[in-house]
């Protein structure tokens, strides 16, 4: 973990580091609430935006080197690849567990097979203390009562935001949403 934190401090901006520390703080609190080892939440939180601040032209190059399948939406907006790249890097360099890999890999889109650690990261990324948007206080409140409801409501909010901004919807987002509606 210390090596990952050293790498993080070298390649992310001060702004991003503040966000990551907020995600870390929130993920640890949610991990305690939902009986997940803090160290697992810490690894997911620290790793999720590891490559968020690299130069935009590098995303497609690194993704190709790692053998990541690039969707049309990701090709048009390569920043969407930052989670996948971080997950691949951490798997190759530190052999992170599969559920933490998935949490990081899909944190921009959501994932229909997310386990608890994935939901904790996804929710923490949206409600950490530096976030300020409509409904964030509501999401913060429900996150500590029902992580599944928080995940659903935040995913829905992201979909609505994307539609209102005429952004692409990622296939994984649509699949995650449709999966939620089945239960």
N, C-alpha and C. Protein backbone atom coordinates (compact mmCIF):
# COMPACT_ATOMS: atom_id res chain seq x y z
N UNK A 1 0.82 -1.20 0.00
CA UNK A 1 0.00 0.00 0.00
C UNK A 1 0.86 1.26 0.00
N UNK A 2 1.95 1.25 0.76
CA UNK A 2 2.82 2.43 0.81
C UNK A 2 3.41 2.77 -0.55
N UNK A 3 3.77 1.74 -1.32
CA UNK A 3 4.31 1.98 -2.67
C UNK A 3 3.26 2.60 -3.57
N UNK A 4 2.03 2.14 -3.46
CA UNK A 4 0.94 2.69 -4.27
C UNK A 4 0.72 4.16 -3.90
N UNK A 5 0.75 4.46 -2.62
CA UNK A 5 0.58 5.85 -2.17
C UNK A 5 1.72 6.74 -2.68
N UNK A 6 2.94 6.21 -2.71
CA UNK A 6 4.07 6.98 -3.24
C UNK A 6 3.86 7.29 -4.73
N UNK A 7 3.43 6.27 -5.48
CA UNK A 7 3.15 6.46 -6.91
C UNK A 7 2.05 7.48 -7.09
N UNK A 8 1.02 7.37 -6.29
CA UNK A 8 -0.11 8.29 -6.35
C UNK A 8 0.35 9.74 -6.19
N UNK A 9 1.15 9.99 -5.19
CA UNK A 9 1.61 11.35 -4.91
C UNK A 9 2.49 11.91 -6.03
N UNK A 10 3.12 11.02 -6.80
CA UNK A 10 3.97 11.46 -7.91
C UNK A 10 3.17 11.84 -9.15
N UNK A 11 2.03 11.18 -9.37
CA UNK A 11 1.36 11.35 -10.67
C UNK A 11 0.00 12.02 -10.63
N UNK A 12 -0.53 12.32 -9.47
CA UNK A 12 -1.82 13.03 -9.44
C UNK A 12 -1.63 14.46 -8.97
N UNK A 13 -2.56 15.31 -9.38
CA UNK A 13 -2.53 16.71 -8.97
C UNK A 13 -2.92 16.85 -7.50
N UNK A 14 -2.65 18.00 -6.94
CA UNK A 14 -3.05 18.28 -5.56
C UNK A 14 -4.57 18.19 -5.42
N UNK A 15 -5.27 18.71 -6.42
CA UNK A 15 -6.74 18.66 -6.44
C UNK A 15 -7.22 17.21 -6.40
N UNK A 16 -6.64 16.38 -7.25
CA UNK A 16 -7.05 14.97 -7.32
C UNK A 16 -6.70 14.24 -6.02
N UNK A 17 -5.55 14.55 -5.46
CA UNK A 17 -5.14 13.91 -4.21
C UNK A 17 -6.13 14.23 -3.09
N UNK A 18 -6.61 15.46 -3.06
CA UNK A 18 -7.61 15.84 -2.05
C UNK A 18 -8.90 15.02 -2.24
N UNK A 19 -9.31 14.86 -3.50
CA UNK A 19 -10.49 14.03 -3.80
C UNK A 19 -10.25 12.59 -3.36
N UNK A 20 -9.11 12.03 -3.70
CA UNK A 20 -8.81 10.63 -3.35
C UNK A 20 -8.80 10.44 -1.84
N UNK A 21 -8.24 11.39 -1.12
CA UNK A 21 -8.23 11.30 0.34
C UNK A 21 -9.66 11.38 0.90
N UNK A 22 -10.52 12.15 0.24
CA UNK A 22 -11.93 12.19 0.62
C UNK A 22 -12.63 10.87 0.37
N UNK A 23 -12.32 10.25 -0.77
CA UNK A 23 -12.87 8.92 -1.08
C UNK A 23 -12.36 7.90 -0.07
N UNK A 24 -11.09 7.99 0.26
CA UNK A 24 -10.50 7.09 1.25
C UNK A 24 -11.21 7.21 2.60
N UNK A 25 -11.39 8.42 3.06
CA UNK A 25 -12.08 8.69 4.33
C UNK A 25 -13.49 8.09 4.31
N UNK A 26 -14.22 8.37 3.24
CA UNK A 26 -15.60 7.90 3.13
C UNK A 26 -15.67 6.38 3.00
N UNK A 27 -14.79 5.81 2.19
CA UNK A 27 -14.78 4.36 1.99
C UNK A 27 -14.47 3.61 3.28
N UNK A 28 -13.56 4.15 4.08
CA UNK A 28 -13.25 3.52 5.37
C UNK A 28 -14.47 3.56 6.30
N UNK A 29 -15.17 4.67 6.32
CA UNK A 29 -16.37 4.76 7.17
C UNK A 29 -17.44 3.78 6.70
N UNK A 30 -17.64 3.70 5.39
CA UNK A 30 -18.63 2.75 4.86
C UNK A 30 -18.18 1.31 5.09
N UNK A 31 -16.90 1.05 4.97
CA UNK A 31 -16.38 -0.30 5.24
C UNK A 31 -16.68 -0.72 6.67
N UNK A 32 -16.47 0.19 7.60
CA UNK A 32 -16.80 -0.10 9.01
C UNK A 32 -18.29 -0.34 9.19
N UNK A 33 -19.09 0.46 8.53
CA UNK A 33 -20.55 0.31 8.65
C UNK A 33 -21.01 -1.05 8.11
N UNK A 34 -20.41 -1.49 7.01
CA UNK A 34 -20.86 -2.71 6.34
C UNK A 34 -19.93 -3.91 6.54
N UNK A 35 -19.09 -3.83 7.58
CA UNK A 35 -18.24 -4.95 7.99
C UNK A 35 -17.30 -5.47 6.90
N UNK A 36 -16.64 -4.53 6.25
CA UNK A 36 -15.60 -4.85 5.27
C UNK A 36 -14.27 -4.40 5.87
N UNK A 37 -13.22 -5.17 5.66
CA UNK A 37 -11.90 -4.77 6.17
C UNK A 37 -11.52 -3.40 5.61
N UNK A 38 -11.12 -2.50 6.51
CA UNK A 38 -10.72 -1.15 6.09
C UNK A 38 -9.62 -1.18 5.04
N UNK A 39 -8.69 -2.10 5.17
CA UNK A 39 -7.56 -2.16 4.24
C UNK A 39 -8.02 -2.42 2.81
N UNK A 40 -9.11 -3.17 2.65
CA UNK A 40 -9.65 -3.45 1.32
C UNK A 40 -10.28 -2.20 0.72
N UNK A 41 -11.02 -1.48 1.55
CA UNK A 41 -11.62 -0.22 1.10
C UNK A 41 -10.53 0.80 0.77
N UNK A 42 -9.47 0.79 1.58
CA UNK A 42 -8.35 1.71 1.37
C UNK A 42 -7.68 1.45 0.02
N UNK A 43 -7.44 0.19 -0.30
CA UNK A 43 -6.80 -0.16 -1.57
C UNK A 43 -7.65 0.30 -2.75
N UNK A 44 -8.95 0.05 -2.69
CA UNK A 44 -9.84 0.47 -3.77
C UNK A 44 -9.86 2.00 -3.90
N UNK A 45 -9.97 2.68 -2.78
CA UNK A 45 -10.05 4.14 -2.79
C UNK A 45 -8.77 4.78 -3.31
N UNK A 46 -7.64 4.32 -2.81
CA UNK A 46 -6.35 4.90 -3.20
C UNK A 46 -6.07 4.62 -4.68
N UNK A 47 -6.48 3.47 -5.17
CA UNK A 47 -6.18 3.10 -6.55
C UNK A 47 -7.11 3.63 -7.61
N UNK A 48 -8.32 4.03 -7.25
CA UNK A 48 -9.34 4.28 -8.27
C UNK A 48 -9.01 5.39 -9.25
N UNK A 49 -8.36 6.46 -8.83
CA UNK A 49 -8.03 7.57 -9.73
C UNK A 49 -6.52 7.71 -9.95
N UNK A 50 -5.81 6.62 -9.79
CA UNK A 50 -4.36 6.64 -9.90
C UNK A 50 -3.88 7.25 -11.22
N UNK A 51 -4.60 6.98 -12.31
CA UNK A 51 -4.19 7.48 -13.62
C UNK A 51 -5.12 8.57 -14.16
N UNK A 52 -5.92 9.16 -13.32
CA UNK A 52 -6.91 10.16 -13.76
C UNK A 52 -6.26 11.41 -14.34
N UNK A 53 -5.08 11.77 -13.90
CA UNK A 53 -4.47 13.03 -14.32
C UNK A 53 -3.38 12.89 -15.39
N UNK A 54 -3.27 11.71 -15.99
CA UNK A 54 -2.27 11.60 -17.07
C UNK A 54 -2.77 12.35 -18.30
N UNK A 55 -1.88 12.63 -19.21
CA UNK A 55 -2.23 13.37 -20.43
C UNK A 55 -3.26 12.58 -21.22
N UNK A 56 -4.29 13.26 -21.74
CA UNK A 56 -5.40 12.57 -22.43
C UNK A 56 -4.97 11.64 -23.56
N UNK A 57 -3.97 12.02 -24.33
CA UNK A 57 -3.57 11.17 -25.46
C UNK A 57 -2.97 9.83 -25.00
N UNK A 58 -2.56 9.74 -23.74
CA UNK A 58 -1.94 8.51 -23.25
C UNK A 58 -2.96 7.41 -22.91
N UNK A 59 -4.20 7.79 -22.64
CA UNK A 59 -5.20 6.79 -22.24
C UNK A 59 -5.35 5.68 -23.28
N UNK A 60 -5.54 6.05 -24.53
CA UNK A 60 -5.75 5.05 -25.57
C UNK A 60 -4.50 4.19 -25.77
N UNK A 61 -3.33 4.81 -25.71
CA UNK A 61 -2.07 4.07 -25.88
C UNK A 61 -1.89 3.04 -24.77
N UNK A 62 -2.07 3.47 -23.53
CA UNK A 62 -1.89 2.55 -22.39
C UNK A 62 -2.93 1.44 -22.42
N UNK A 63 -4.18 1.80 -22.73
CA UNK A 63 -5.24 0.80 -22.79
C UNK A 63 -4.91 -0.28 -23.83
N UNK A 64 -4.39 0.13 -24.96
CA UNK A 64 -4.02 -0.84 -26.00
C UNK A 64 -2.88 -1.74 -25.54
N UNK A 65 -1.89 -1.15 -24.89
CA UNK A 65 -0.76 -1.94 -24.36
C UNK A 65 -1.27 -2.98 -23.36
N UNK A 66 -2.24 -2.58 -22.53
CA UNK A 66 -2.79 -3.49 -21.52
C UNK A 66 -3.82 -4.47 -22.08
N UNK A 67 -4.16 -4.33 -23.35
CA UNK A 67 -5.13 -5.22 -23.96
C UNK A 67 -6.56 -4.95 -23.53
N UNK A 68 -6.84 -3.74 -23.11
CA UNK A 68 -8.19 -3.35 -22.69
C UNK A 68 -9.03 -3.10 -23.94
N UNK A 69 -10.19 -3.72 -23.99
CA UNK A 69 -11.10 -3.50 -25.10
C UNK A 69 -11.67 -2.08 -24.96
N UNK A 70 -11.52 -1.28 -25.99
CA UNK A 70 -11.93 0.12 -25.96
C UNK A 70 -13.27 0.26 -26.68
N UNK A 71 -14.27 0.75 -25.96
CA UNK A 71 -15.58 0.95 -26.56
C UNK A 71 -15.59 2.22 -27.41
N UNK A 72 -16.61 2.36 -28.22
CA UNK A 72 -16.80 3.57 -29.02
C UNK A 72 -16.83 4.80 -28.11
N UNK A 73 -17.56 4.68 -27.00
CA UNK A 73 -17.69 5.80 -26.07
C UNK A 73 -16.35 6.17 -25.44
N UNK A 74 -15.56 5.18 -25.12
CA UNK A 74 -14.24 5.43 -24.53
C UNK A 74 -13.27 6.00 -25.57
N UNK A 75 -13.41 5.59 -26.80
CA UNK A 75 -12.57 6.15 -27.86
C UNK A 75 -12.87 7.63 -28.04
N UNK A 76 -14.13 7.99 -27.94
CA UNK A 76 -14.53 9.39 -28.09
C UNK A 76 -14.20 10.21 -26.85
N UNK A 77 -14.15 9.58 -25.69
CA UNK A 77 -13.87 10.26 -24.42
C UNK A 77 -12.90 9.40 -23.61
N UNK A 78 -11.62 9.40 -23.97
CA UNK A 78 -10.64 8.48 -23.38
C UNK A 78 -10.47 8.58 -21.87
N UNK A 79 -10.82 9.69 -21.26
CA UNK A 79 -10.71 9.82 -19.79
C UNK A 79 -11.50 8.71 -19.09
N UNK A 80 -12.52 8.20 -19.77
CA UNK A 80 -13.34 7.12 -19.19
C UNK A 80 -12.53 5.85 -18.96
N UNK A 81 -11.36 5.76 -19.55
CA UNK A 81 -10.51 4.58 -19.39
C UNK A 81 -9.65 4.61 -18.13
N UNK A 82 -9.65 5.71 -17.39
CA UNK A 82 -8.70 5.83 -16.28
C UNK A 82 -8.87 4.74 -15.21
N UNK A 83 -10.09 4.33 -14.94
CA UNK A 83 -10.32 3.28 -13.95
C UNK A 83 -9.85 1.92 -14.44
N UNK A 84 -10.11 1.64 -15.70
CA UNK A 84 -9.67 0.36 -16.27
C UNK A 84 -8.14 0.27 -16.28
N UNK A 85 -7.50 1.37 -16.64
CA UNK A 85 -6.04 1.40 -16.68
C UNK A 85 -5.47 1.22 -15.27
N UNK A 86 -6.05 1.91 -14.30
CA UNK A 86 -5.58 1.79 -12.91
C UNK A 86 -5.74 0.35 -12.41
N UNK A 87 -6.89 -0.25 -12.69
CA UNK A 87 -7.13 -1.63 -12.25
C UNK A 87 -6.12 -2.59 -12.88
N UNK A 88 -5.88 -2.44 -14.17
CA UNK A 88 -4.91 -3.30 -14.85
C UNK A 88 -3.50 -3.12 -14.29
N UNK A 89 -3.11 -1.88 -14.08
CA UNK A 89 -1.79 -1.60 -13.51
C UNK A 89 -1.65 -2.26 -12.14
N UNK A 90 -2.65 -2.05 -11.28
CA UNK A 90 -2.58 -2.58 -9.92
C UNK A 90 -2.63 -4.11 -9.90
N UNK A 91 -3.34 -4.71 -10.83
CA UNK A 91 -3.39 -6.18 -10.93
C UNK A 91 -2.01 -6.71 -11.34
N UNK A 92 -1.41 -6.06 -12.32
CA UNK A 92 -0.11 -6.52 -12.83
C UNK A 92 1.03 -6.29 -11.84
N UNK A 93 1.01 -5.13 -11.19
CA UNK A 93 2.11 -4.76 -10.30
C UNK A 93 1.96 -5.29 -8.87
N UNK A 94 0.70 -5.39 -8.39
CA UNK A 94 0.48 -5.73 -6.98
C UNK A 94 -0.48 -6.91 -6.78
N UNK A 95 -0.96 -7.49 -7.88
CA UNK A 95 -1.86 -8.64 -7.82
C UNK A 95 -3.04 -8.40 -6.88
N UNK A 96 -3.73 -7.29 -7.09
CA UNK A 96 -4.88 -6.97 -6.23
C UNK A 96 -5.98 -8.01 -6.39
N UNK A 97 -6.79 -8.23 -5.36
CA UNK A 97 -7.89 -9.20 -5.43
C UNK A 97 -8.91 -8.82 -6.52
N UNK A 98 -9.59 -9.82 -7.04
CA UNK A 98 -10.53 -9.62 -8.14
C UNK A 98 -11.64 -8.61 -7.83
N UNK A 99 -12.20 -8.66 -6.61
CA UNK A 99 -13.30 -7.75 -6.31
C UNK A 99 -12.83 -6.30 -6.22
N UNK A 100 -11.60 -6.09 -5.78
CA UNK A 100 -11.04 -4.73 -5.74
C UNK A 100 -10.69 -4.29 -7.16
N UNK A 101 -10.19 -5.21 -7.96
CA UNK A 101 -9.94 -4.94 -9.38
C UNK A 101 -11.23 -4.46 -10.05
N UNK A 102 -12.32 -5.21 -9.85
CA UNK A 102 -13.61 -4.83 -10.46
C UNK A 102 -14.12 -3.50 -9.93
N UNK A 103 -13.94 -3.26 -8.64
CA UNK A 103 -14.37 -1.99 -8.05
C UNK A 103 -13.71 -0.82 -8.76
N UNK A 104 -12.40 -0.92 -8.96
CA UNK A 104 -11.64 0.15 -9.61
C UNK A 104 -11.95 0.20 -11.10
N UNK A 105 -11.96 -0.94 -11.75
CA UNK A 105 -12.15 -1.04 -13.20
C UNK A 105 -13.46 -0.38 -13.64
N UNK A 106 -14.51 -0.59 -12.87
CA UNK A 106 -15.85 -0.12 -13.27
C UNK A 106 -16.34 1.10 -12.49
N UNK A 107 -15.46 1.79 -11.77
CA UNK A 107 -15.97 2.86 -10.91
C UNK A 107 -16.55 4.05 -11.67
N UNK A 108 -16.23 4.20 -12.95
CA UNK A 108 -16.82 5.30 -13.71
C UNK A 108 -18.19 4.94 -14.28
N UNK A 109 -18.47 3.66 -14.37
CA UNK A 109 -19.70 3.23 -15.05
C UNK A 109 -20.70 2.52 -14.15
N UNK A 110 -20.22 1.93 -13.07
CA UNK A 110 -21.05 0.98 -12.34
C UNK A 110 -20.89 -0.38 -13.01
N UNK A 111 -21.38 -1.41 -12.32
CA UNK A 111 -21.17 -2.77 -12.81
C UNK A 111 -22.31 -3.65 -12.32
N UNK A 112 -22.87 -4.44 -13.24
CA UNK A 112 -24.04 -5.23 -12.86
C UNK A 112 -23.72 -6.33 -11.85
N UNK A 113 -22.47 -6.73 -11.75
CA UNK A 113 -22.09 -7.77 -10.80
C UNK A 113 -21.32 -7.23 -9.60
N UNK A 114 -21.43 -5.93 -9.34
CA UNK A 114 -20.69 -5.35 -8.22
C UNK A 114 -21.00 -6.05 -6.91
N UNK A 115 -19.94 -6.34 -6.18
CA UNK A 115 -20.07 -6.79 -4.80
C UNK A 115 -20.06 -5.58 -3.89
N UNK A 116 -19.96 -5.84 -2.62
CA UNK A 116 -20.02 -4.77 -1.62
C UNK A 116 -18.87 -3.77 -1.76
N UNK A 117 -17.67 -4.25 -2.00
CA UNK A 117 -16.53 -3.33 -2.11
C UNK A 117 -16.68 -2.42 -3.33
N UNK A 118 -17.23 -2.93 -4.41
CA UNK A 118 -17.48 -2.11 -5.60
C UNK A 118 -18.50 -1.03 -5.32
N UNK A 119 -19.56 -1.40 -4.63
CA UNK A 119 -20.59 -0.40 -4.29
C UNK A 119 -20.04 0.65 -3.33
N UNK A 120 -19.22 0.22 -2.39
CA UNK A 120 -18.61 1.17 -1.45
C UNK A 120 -17.74 2.18 -2.19
N UNK A 121 -16.92 1.71 -3.14
CA UNK A 121 -16.09 2.64 -3.90
C UNK A 121 -16.93 3.56 -4.77
N UNK A 122 -17.88 3.01 -5.49
CA UNK A 122 -18.73 3.80 -6.38
C UNK A 122 -19.45 4.89 -5.60
N UNK A 123 -20.02 4.53 -4.47
CA UNK A 123 -20.75 5.49 -3.64
C UNK A 123 -19.78 6.50 -3.02
N UNK A 124 -18.67 6.04 -2.49
CA UNK A 124 -17.69 6.94 -1.86
C UNK A 124 -17.16 7.97 -2.84
N UNK A 125 -16.94 7.56 -4.07
CA UNK A 125 -16.45 8.46 -5.11
C UNK A 125 -17.44 9.60 -5.36
N UNK A 126 -18.71 9.33 -5.15
CA UNK A 126 -19.76 10.33 -5.41
C UNK A 126 -20.13 11.18 -4.21
N UNK A 127 -19.83 10.70 -3.00
CA UNK A 127 -20.29 11.44 -1.81
C UNK A 127 -19.17 11.96 -0.93
N UNK A 128 -17.91 11.76 -1.32
CA UNK A 128 -16.80 12.19 -0.47
C UNK A 128 -16.93 13.69 -0.15
N UNK A 129 -16.29 14.14 0.92
CA UNK A 129 -16.53 15.49 1.45
C UNK A 129 -16.32 16.66 0.49
N UNK A 130 -15.49 16.52 -0.55
CA UNK A 130 -15.30 17.65 -1.45
C UNK A 130 -16.38 17.74 -2.53
N UNK A 131 -17.22 16.73 -2.63
CA UNK A 131 -18.30 16.76 -3.63
C UNK A 131 -19.38 17.74 -3.19
N UNK A 132 -19.86 18.50 -4.16
CA UNK A 132 -20.90 19.50 -3.88
C UNK A 132 -21.81 19.60 -5.10
N UNK A 133 -22.97 18.96 -5.02
CA UNK A 133 -23.95 19.00 -6.11
C UNK A 133 -25.32 18.72 -5.50
N UNK A 134 -26.36 18.99 -6.29
CA UNK A 134 -27.72 18.70 -5.82
C UNK A 134 -27.80 17.23 -5.41
N UNK A 135 -28.46 16.95 -4.36
CA UNK A 135 -28.72 15.60 -3.84
C UNK A 135 -27.55 14.96 -3.10
N UNK A 136 -26.37 15.58 -3.06
CA UNK A 136 -25.24 14.91 -2.42
C UNK A 136 -25.51 14.65 -0.94
N UNK A 137 -26.18 15.57 -0.26
CA UNK A 137 -26.48 15.35 1.16
C UNK A 137 -27.44 14.18 1.34
N UNK A 138 -28.41 14.08 0.46
CA UNK A 138 -29.35 12.95 0.49
C UNK A 138 -28.58 11.63 0.29
N UNK A 139 -27.69 11.61 -0.70
CA UNK A 139 -26.91 10.41 -0.97
C UNK A 139 -26.01 10.05 0.21
N UNK A 140 -25.43 11.06 0.85
CA UNK A 140 -24.58 10.80 2.02
C UNK A 140 -25.39 10.16 3.14
N UNK A 141 -26.60 10.63 3.30
CA UNK A 141 -27.46 10.11 4.36
C UNK A 141 -27.83 8.64 4.10
N UNK A 142 -28.30 8.35 2.90
CA UNK A 142 -28.75 6.98 2.63
C UNK A 142 -27.60 5.99 2.55
N UNK A 143 -26.40 6.46 2.22
CA UNK A 143 -25.25 5.55 2.09
C UNK A 143 -24.98 4.80 3.39
N UNK A 144 -25.28 5.43 4.51
CA UNK A 144 -25.00 4.80 5.81
C UNK A 144 -26.20 4.04 6.37
N UNK A 145 -27.27 3.99 5.58
CA UNK A 145 -28.45 3.21 5.97
C UNK A 145 -28.69 2.02 5.04
N UNK A 146 -28.39 2.22 3.75
CA UNK A 146 -28.64 1.16 2.77
C UNK A 146 -27.73 1.38 1.57
N UNK A 147 -26.62 0.68 1.52
CA UNK A 147 -25.63 0.87 0.46
C UNK A 147 -26.22 0.51 -0.91
N UNK A 148 -27.12 -0.47 -0.96
CA UNK A 148 -27.73 -0.84 -2.24
C UNK A 148 -28.62 0.28 -2.77
N UNK A 149 -29.37 0.89 -1.89
CA UNK A 149 -30.22 2.02 -2.29
C UNK A 149 -29.35 3.20 -2.72
N UNK A 150 -28.28 3.46 -1.99
CA UNK A 150 -27.37 4.55 -2.35
C UNK A 150 -26.76 4.30 -3.73
N UNK A 151 -26.31 3.08 -3.97
CA UNK A 151 -25.74 2.73 -5.27
C UNK A 151 -26.77 2.96 -6.38
N UNK A 152 -27.98 2.49 -6.17
CA UNK A 152 -29.04 2.65 -7.17
C UNK A 152 -29.33 4.12 -7.43
N UNK A 153 -29.50 4.89 -6.38
CA UNK A 153 -29.86 6.31 -6.53
C UNK A 153 -28.74 7.12 -7.18
N UNK A 154 -27.51 6.82 -6.82
CA UNK A 154 -26.38 7.53 -7.42
C UNK A 154 -26.22 7.14 -8.89
N UNK A 155 -26.37 5.87 -9.20
CA UNK A 155 -26.30 5.43 -10.59
C UNK A 155 -27.39 6.12 -11.41
N UNK A 156 -28.60 6.16 -10.88
CA UNK A 156 -29.71 6.83 -11.56
C UNK A 156 -29.39 8.31 -11.78
N UNK A 157 -28.84 8.95 -10.77
CA UNK A 157 -28.49 10.37 -10.88
C UNK A 157 -27.44 10.59 -11.97
N UNK A 158 -26.47 9.69 -12.06
CA UNK A 158 -25.43 9.81 -13.09
C UNK A 158 -26.03 9.62 -14.49
N UNK A 159 -26.97 8.70 -14.61
CA UNK A 159 -27.63 8.48 -15.90
C UNK A 159 -28.41 9.74 -16.30
N UNK A 160 -29.17 10.28 -15.39
CA UNK A 160 -29.95 11.50 -15.67
C UNK A 160 -29.02 12.65 -16.05
N UNK A 161 -27.94 12.80 -15.30
CA UNK A 161 -26.96 13.85 -15.60
C UNK A 161 -26.42 13.68 -17.03
N UNK A 162 -26.03 12.45 -17.37
CA UNK A 162 -25.48 12.18 -18.71
C UNK A 162 -26.50 12.48 -19.80
N UNK A 163 -27.74 12.09 -19.57
CA UNK A 163 -28.78 12.37 -20.56
C UNK A 163 -29.01 13.87 -20.71
N UNK A 164 -29.06 14.58 -19.59
CA UNK A 164 -29.27 16.03 -19.65
C UNK A 164 -28.12 16.76 -20.34
N UNK A 165 -26.93 16.22 -20.27
CA UNK A 165 -25.75 16.83 -20.90
C UNK A 165 -25.48 16.28 -22.31
N UNK A 166 -26.37 15.39 -22.78
CA UNK A 166 -26.18 14.73 -24.07
C UNK A 166 -24.85 13.98 -24.15
N UNK A 167 -24.49 13.34 -23.05
CA UNK A 167 -23.29 12.50 -23.02
C UNK A 167 -23.67 11.06 -23.37
N UNK A 168 -22.69 10.31 -23.80
CA UNK A 168 -22.90 8.90 -24.05
C UNK A 168 -23.21 8.18 -22.74
N UNK A 169 -24.02 7.14 -22.83
CA UNK A 169 -24.19 6.22 -21.71
C UNK A 169 -23.31 5.00 -22.00
N UNK A 170 -22.49 4.64 -21.05
CA UNK A 170 -21.65 3.46 -21.21
C UNK A 170 -22.50 2.20 -21.12
N UNK A 171 -22.15 1.20 -21.89
CA UNK A 171 -22.90 -0.06 -21.86
C UNK A 171 -22.95 -0.65 -20.46
N UNK A 172 -21.84 -0.57 -19.72
CA UNK A 172 -21.83 -1.11 -18.36
C UNK A 172 -22.79 -0.38 -17.44
N UNK A 173 -22.98 0.91 -17.68
CA UNK A 173 -23.94 1.69 -16.89
C UNK A 173 -25.35 1.20 -17.15
N UNK A 174 -25.68 1.03 -18.42
CA UNK A 174 -27.02 0.55 -18.79
C UNK A 174 -27.25 -0.85 -18.24
N UNK A 175 -26.26 -1.72 -18.37
CA UNK A 175 -26.38 -3.08 -17.84
C UNK A 175 -26.54 -3.08 -16.32
N UNK A 176 -25.79 -2.22 -15.64
CA UNK A 176 -25.90 -2.13 -14.18
C UNK A 176 -27.30 -1.68 -13.79
N UNK A 177 -27.80 -0.67 -14.48
CA UNK A 177 -29.14 -0.15 -14.18
C UNK A 177 -30.20 -1.22 -14.43
N UNK A 178 -30.14 -1.87 -15.57
CA UNK A 178 -31.12 -2.90 -15.89
C UNK A 178 -31.06 -4.05 -14.89
N UNK A 179 -29.88 -4.39 -14.43
CA UNK A 179 -29.73 -5.44 -13.43
C UNK A 179 -30.37 -5.04 -12.11
N UNK A 180 -30.18 -3.80 -11.71
CA UNK A 180 -30.79 -3.30 -10.46
C UNK A 180 -32.30 -3.42 -10.52
N UNK A 181 -32.88 -3.11 -11.66
CA UNK A 181 -34.34 -3.12 -11.79
C UNK A 181 -34.94 -4.52 -11.71
N UNK A 182 -34.12 -5.54 -11.87
CA UNK A 182 -34.61 -6.92 -11.80
C UNK A 182 -34.90 -7.36 -10.37
N UNK A 183 -34.36 -6.62 -9.39
CA UNK A 183 -34.49 -7.07 -8.00
C UNK A 183 -35.30 -6.13 -7.17
